[in-house]
Amino acid sequence: MTDETVDTEFPRTIGKVATRELAAHGYTRYAHLSTVSAATLLAIHGVGPKAVRILTEELAARGLTFAA
């Protein structure tokens, strides 16, 4: 799978690796992220604090949050 074939709602600013790894774990939409904690995402190789910070802001803009 190339980066161009990963279909997610996430901004490019989280990085190609983070986008690819989130998709590989089944997270491609913001609604999916509201079912998982930030700590769980940080445990995924390639998903770091910057990506989680950006995704937190994006979730908030949509009235969503990570799971507790």
N, C-alpha and C. Protein backbone atom coordinates (compact mmCIF):
# COMPACT_ATOMS: atom_id res chain seq x y z
N MET A 1 0.85 -1.17 0.00
CA MET A 1 0.00 0.00 0.00
C MET A 1 0.89 1.23 0.00
N THR A 2 0.65 2.15 -0.90
CA THR A 2 1.40 3.39 -0.91
C THR A 2 0.65 4.43 -0.10
N ASP A 3 1.36 5.48 0.29
CA ASP A 3 0.73 6.54 1.08
C ASP A 3 -0.44 7.17 0.35
N GLU A 4 -0.38 7.21 -0.98
CA GLU A 4 -1.44 7.83 -1.74
C GLU A 4 -2.75 7.03 -1.68
N THR A 5 -2.68 5.75 -1.35
CA THR A 5 -3.89 4.94 -1.33
C THR A 5 -4.55 4.89 0.05
N VAL A 6 -3.94 5.50 1.05
CA VAL A 6 -4.53 5.53 2.39
C VAL A 6 -5.60 6.61 2.41
N ASP A 7 -6.84 6.19 2.62
CA ASP A 7 -7.98 7.10 2.63
C ASP A 7 -8.40 7.39 4.06
N THR A 8 -8.02 8.56 4.56
CA THR A 8 -8.42 8.98 5.90
C THR A 8 -8.92 10.40 5.86
N GLU A 9 -9.55 10.81 6.96
CA GLU A 9 -9.98 12.20 7.11
C GLU A 9 -8.87 13.07 7.72
N PHE A 10 -7.78 12.47 8.13
CA PHE A 10 -6.79 13.15 8.93
C PHE A 10 -5.92 14.10 8.12
N PRO A 11 -5.48 15.19 8.75
CA PRO A 11 -4.64 16.15 8.03
C PRO A 11 -3.25 15.58 7.76
N ARG A 12 -2.65 16.05 6.71
CA ARG A 12 -1.30 15.60 6.34
C ARG A 12 -0.27 15.95 7.41
N THR A 13 -0.58 16.95 8.23
CA THR A 13 0.38 17.42 9.22
C THR A 13 0.70 16.38 10.29
N ILE A 14 -0.09 15.30 10.39
CA ILE A 14 0.25 14.27 11.37
C ILE A 14 1.36 13.36 10.86
N GLY A 15 1.64 13.44 9.57
CA GLY A 15 2.73 12.65 8.98
C GLY A 15 2.23 11.42 8.26
N LYS A 16 3.00 11.02 7.27
CA LYS A 16 2.64 9.86 6.44
C LYS A 16 2.66 8.56 7.23
N VAL A 17 3.66 8.40 8.08
CA VAL A 17 3.77 7.16 8.84
C VAL A 17 2.60 7.04 9.82
N ALA A 18 2.30 8.12 10.53
CA ALA A 18 1.18 8.09 11.48
C ALA A 18 -0.12 7.79 10.75
N THR A 19 -0.34 8.44 9.62
CA THR A 19 -1.56 8.20 8.84
C THR A 19 -1.65 6.74 8.42
N ARG A 20 -0.57 6.22 7.90
CA ARG A 20 -0.55 4.83 7.44
C ARG A 20 -0.79 3.85 8.60
N GLU A 21 -0.13 4.08 9.72
CA GLU A 21 -0.27 3.18 10.86
C GLU A 21 -1.66 3.26 11.49
N LEU A 22 -2.22 4.45 11.57
CA LEU A 22 -3.59 4.57 12.08
C LEU A 22 -4.56 3.79 11.19
N ALA A 23 -4.40 3.95 9.89
CA ALA A 23 -5.27 3.23 8.94
C ALA A 23 -5.09 1.72 9.07
N ALA A 24 -3.85 1.29 9.25
CA ALA A 24 -3.57 -0.14 9.39
C ALA A 24 -4.23 -0.73 10.63
N HIS A 25 -4.46 0.13 11.63
CA HIS A 25 -5.13 -0.31 12.86
C HIS A 25 -6.64 -0.05 12.82
N GLY A 26 -7.14 0.38 11.67
CA GLY A 26 -8.58 0.56 11.50
C GLY A 26 -9.11 1.94 11.83
N TYR A 27 -8.22 2.90 12.05
CA TYR A 27 -8.63 4.26 12.38
C TYR A 27 -8.47 5.14 11.14
N THR A 28 -9.57 5.43 10.47
CA THR A 28 -9.51 6.26 9.27
C THR A 28 -10.43 7.48 9.35
N ARG A 29 -11.27 7.54 10.35
CA ARG A 29 -12.22 8.63 10.52
C ARG A 29 -12.14 9.16 11.94
N TYR A 30 -12.51 10.42 12.12
CA TYR A 30 -12.48 11.01 13.46
C TYR A 30 -13.40 10.26 14.41
N ALA A 31 -14.51 9.77 13.93
CA ALA A 31 -15.42 9.00 14.78
C ALA A 31 -14.74 7.76 15.34
N HIS A 32 -13.85 7.16 14.57
CA HIS A 32 -13.11 5.98 15.04
C HIS A 32 -12.22 6.36 16.23
N LEU A 33 -11.63 7.55 16.16
CA LEU A 33 -10.72 7.96 17.22
C LEU A 33 -11.43 8.21 18.54
N SER A 34 -12.72 8.53 18.49
CA SER A 34 -13.45 8.78 19.73
C SER A 34 -13.71 7.50 20.51
N THR A 35 -13.36 6.36 19.94
CA THR A 35 -13.55 5.07 20.62
C THR A 35 -12.27 4.56 21.25
N VAL A 36 -11.19 5.32 21.16
CA VAL A 36 -9.88 4.88 21.63
C VAL A 36 -9.22 6.01 22.42
N SER A 37 -8.37 5.64 23.37
CA SER A 37 -7.67 6.66 24.16
C SER A 37 -6.42 7.15 23.43
N ALA A 38 -6.00 8.34 23.82
CA ALA A 38 -4.77 8.89 23.26
C ALA A 38 -3.59 7.99 23.61
N ALA A 39 -3.60 7.41 24.81
CA ALA A 39 -2.51 6.52 25.22
C ALA A 39 -2.42 5.30 24.31
N THR A 40 -3.56 4.78 23.90
CA THR A 40 -3.57 3.63 22.99
C THR A 40 -2.94 4.01 21.66
N LEU A 41 -3.26 5.19 21.16
CA LEU A 41 -2.68 5.64 19.89
C LEU A 41 -1.18 5.85 20.01
N LEU A 42 -0.75 6.39 21.14
CA LEU A 42 0.68 6.61 21.34
C LEU A 42 1.46 5.31 21.38
N ALA A 43 0.80 4.22 21.69
CA ALA A 43 1.45 2.92 21.72
C ALA A 43 1.66 2.34 20.32
N ILE A 44 1.02 2.94 19.32
CA ILE A 44 1.18 2.48 17.94
C ILE A 44 2.46 3.05 17.37
N HIS A 45 3.31 2.18 16.85
CA HIS A 45 4.57 2.62 16.24
C HIS A 45 4.28 3.64 15.15
N GLY A 46 4.95 4.78 15.21
CA GLY A 46 4.78 5.81 14.19
C GLY A 46 3.81 6.91 14.57
N VAL A 47 3.07 6.71 15.66
CA VAL A 47 2.13 7.73 16.12
C VAL A 47 2.74 8.36 17.37
N GLY A 48 3.14 9.61 17.25
CA GLY A 48 3.81 10.29 18.35
C GLY A 48 2.98 11.40 18.96
N PRO A 49 3.57 12.09 19.92
CA PRO A 49 2.87 13.18 20.61
C PRO A 49 2.36 14.28 19.67
N LYS A 50 3.13 14.61 18.64
CA LYS A 50 2.69 15.66 17.71
C LYS A 50 1.41 15.23 16.99
N ALA A 51 1.37 14.01 16.51
CA ALA A 51 0.18 13.52 15.81
C ALA A 51 -1.02 13.51 16.75
N VAL A 52 -0.82 13.06 17.99
CA VAL A 52 -1.93 13.01 18.95
C VAL A 52 -2.40 14.42 19.29
N ARG A 53 -1.47 15.37 19.42
CA ARG A 53 -1.86 16.76 19.70
C ARG A 53 -2.71 17.32 18.56
N ILE A 54 -2.27 17.10 17.35
CA ILE A 54 -3.02 17.60 16.18
C ILE A 54 -4.39 16.93 16.11
N LEU A 55 -4.43 15.63 16.33
CA LEU A 55 -5.70 14.92 16.29
C LEU A 55 -6.63 15.35 17.42
N THR A 56 -6.07 15.67 18.59
CA THR A 56 -6.88 16.18 19.70
C THR A 56 -7.56 17.49 19.29
N GLU A 57 -6.81 18.37 18.66
CA GLU A 57 -7.35 19.64 18.19
C GLU A 57 -8.42 19.43 17.12
N GLU A 58 -8.17 18.51 16.21
CA GLU A 58 -9.14 18.22 15.15
C GLU A 58 -10.42 17.61 15.73
N LEU A 59 -10.27 16.73 16.70
CA LEU A 59 -11.44 16.14 17.35
C LEU A 59 -12.25 17.23 18.04
N ALA A 60 -11.58 18.09 18.78
CA ALA A 60 -12.26 19.18 19.51
C ALA A 60 -13.04 20.08 18.55
N ALA A 61 -12.46 20.36 17.39
CA ALA A 61 -13.12 21.20 16.40
C ALA A 61 -14.41 20.57 15.89
N ARG A 62 -14.51 19.26 16.07
CA ARG A 62 -15.70 18.52 15.62
C ARG A 62 -16.59 18.11 16.77
N GLY A 63 -16.28 18.61 17.97
CA GLY A 63 -17.07 18.29 19.15
C GLY A 63 -16.85 16.87 19.67
N LEU A 64 -15.68 16.29 19.35
CA LEU A 64 -15.35 14.94 19.77
C LEU A 64 -14.12 14.95 20.68
N THR A 65 -13.91 13.84 21.38
CA THR A 65 -12.71 13.66 22.20
C THR A 65 -12.27 12.20 22.08
N PHE A 66 -11.05 11.96 22.51
CA PHE A 66 -10.60 10.57 22.64
C PHE A 66 -11.37 9.92 23.77
N ALA A 67 -11.46 8.61 23.76
CA ALA A 67 -12.08 7.88 24.85
C ALA A 67 -11.21 8.03 26.10
N ALA A 68 -11.83 7.90 27.26
CA ALA A 68 -11.10 8.02 28.52
C ALA A 68 -10.26 6.79 28.79
